[in-house]
C-alpha cells in the first residue's frame, strides 16, 4: 500500500535553503519543512536522474516493501540505497515519475 510522502517540483534556479546532493547532481529542499510537503529540485547538467524526473518532477509515496511494489512496474531509476534507513526507486506510471520510498 502506498502512503503519500511528498511532491517534487523542478525549478530552473537554486531554491532558497536547498542543499546539494553531489551523487545525483541536484539541489533540493527538505520537504519535511514544507507545510505542503513540497521538495523543490534544481538539476545540474550530467545528473544521473531520468529525464522524466528532471523535466516533470514527481510524486513520492512511502511503501512497506519496495521489492513487492516494483514487481511488474516500469522502473526508471534504482533501487538506490540512500542510507541505512532509506531505499528509493522511481517508476513511470500514467506518464509521470513516481518515487517509491522504503523507510526502515
Protein backbone atom coordinates (compact mmCIF):
# COMPACT_ATOMS: atom_id res chain seq x y z
CA UNK A 1 0.00 0.00 0.00
CA UNK A 2 1.26 3.47 -0.88
CA UNK A 3 1.14 6.40 1.54
CA UNK A 4 1.64 9.92 0.18
CA UNK A 5 5.00 11.38 1.23
CA UNK A 6 5.78 14.47 -0.89
CA UNK A 7 5.74 16.16 -4.30
CA UNK A 8 8.94 17.02 -6.17
CA UNK A 9 8.78 20.21 -8.24
CA UNK A 10 11.55 21.07 -10.68
CA UNK A 11 12.83 24.66 -10.80
CA UNK A 12 15.37 26.40 -13.01
CA UNK A 13 17.04 28.27 -10.14
CA UNK A 14 18.60 27.02 -6.92
CA UNK A 15 15.81 27.12 -4.34
CA UNK A 16 16.28 29.04 -1.10
CA UNK A 17 17.53 26.68 1.60
CA UNK A 18 18.45 23.93 -0.87
CA UNK A 19 21.35 21.56 -0.27
CA UNK A 20 23.42 19.97 -3.00
CA UNK A 21 23.40 16.20 -3.49
CA UNK A 22 26.64 15.55 -5.33
CA UNK A 23 25.81 11.93 -6.18
CA UNK A 24 22.64 12.94 -8.04
CA UNK A 25 23.85 16.40 -9.19
CA UNK A 26 20.76 18.10 -7.83
CA UNK A 27 19.93 20.94 -5.44
CA UNK A 28 16.96 20.03 -3.26
CA UNK A 29 14.95 21.37 -0.37
CA UNK A 30 13.76 19.46 2.69
CA UNK A 31 10.12 18.54 2.03
CA UNK A 32 9.59 17.79 5.73
CA UNK A 33 9.93 21.54 6.39
CA UNK A 34 7.27 22.42 3.81
CA UNK A 35 3.67 22.72 5.04
CA UNK A 36 2.59 21.27 1.68
CA UNK A 37 5.24 18.52 1.54
CA UNK A 38 6.97 20.08 -1.49
CA UNK A 39 10.54 19.22 -2.42
CA UNK A 40 11.98 21.76 -4.86
CA UNK A 41 14.71 20.41 -7.17
CA UNK A 42 17.22 22.12 -9.45
CA UNK A 43 19.14 19.60 -11.55
CA UNK A 44 22.66 20.27 -12.77
CA UNK A 45 23.95 19.08 -16.16
CA UNK A 46 25.08 15.47 -16.03
CA UNK A 47 22.61 14.35 -13.37
CA UNK A 48 22.05 10.59 -13.43
CA UNK A 49 18.35 11.04 -12.73
CA UNK A 50 15.96 10.07 -15.55
CA UNK A 51 14.88 12.85 -17.91
CA UNK A 52 11.26 12.35 -16.85
CA UNK A 53 12.18 13.22 -13.24
CA UNK A 54 14.37 16.16 -14.31
CA UNK A 55 11.71 17.66 -16.57
CA UNK A 56 8.42 16.95 -14.80
CA UNK A 57 9.17 16.32 -11.15
CA UNK A 58 7.47 13.51 -9.24
CA UNK A 59 5.00 12.32 -6.64
CA UNK A 60 6.54 10.31 -3.79
CA UNK A 61 4.98 7.56 -1.74
CA UNK A 62 6.20 5.53 1.22
CA UNK A 63 5.81 1.76 0.75
CA UNK A 64 6.32 -1.11 3.16
CA UNK A 65 8.16 -3.28 0.62
CA UNK A 66 9.97 -1.71 -2.30
CA UNK A 67 10.68 -5.14 -3.77
CA UNK A 68 6.99 -6.03 -3.82
CA UNK A 69 5.89 -2.62 -5.10
CA UNK A 70 8.34 -2.76 -8.04
CA UNK A 71 7.05 -6.07 -9.39
CA UNK A 72 5.64 -5.57 -12.87
CA UNK A 73 6.36 -1.84 -12.84
CA UNK A 74 8.38 0.21 -15.34
CA UNK A 75 11.42 1.05 -13.18
CA UNK A 76 13.29 4.12 -14.46
CA UNK A 77 15.77 4.56 -11.57
CA UNK A 78 17.04 2.41 -8.73
CA UNK A 79 16.52 0.87 -6.36
CA UNK A 80 19.12 3.06 -4.68
CA UNK A 81 20.15 2.85 -1.03
CA UNK A 82 20.31 6.39 0.33
CA UNK A 83 21.30 5.43 3.87
CA UNK A 84 20.66 2.65 6.37
CA UNK A 85 17.06 3.83 6.76
CA UNK A 86 16.01 4.73 3.22
CA UNK A 87 15.93 2.97 -0.16
CA UNK A 88 14.24 4.63 -3.14
CA UNK A 89 13.27 3.83 -6.71
CA UNK A 90 11.45 5.73 -9.43
CA UNK A 91 8.86 4.20 -11.72
CA UNK A 92 6.92 5.60 -14.64
CA UNK A 93 3.18 5.34 -14.22
CA UNK A 94 0.44 7.18 -16.14
CA UNK A 95 3.18 9.06 -17.99
CA UNK A 96 4.72 10.63 -14.87
CA UNK A 97 7.50 9.68 -12.48
CA UNK A 98 6.62 8.21 -9.12
CA UNK A 99 9.16 7.93 -6.33
CA UNK A 100 8.74 4.92 -4.05
CA UNK A 101 10.43 5.12 -0.65
CA UNK A 102 11.03 2.23 1.73
CA UNK A 103 11.83 3.60 5.19
CA UNK A 104 13.18 1.22 7.82
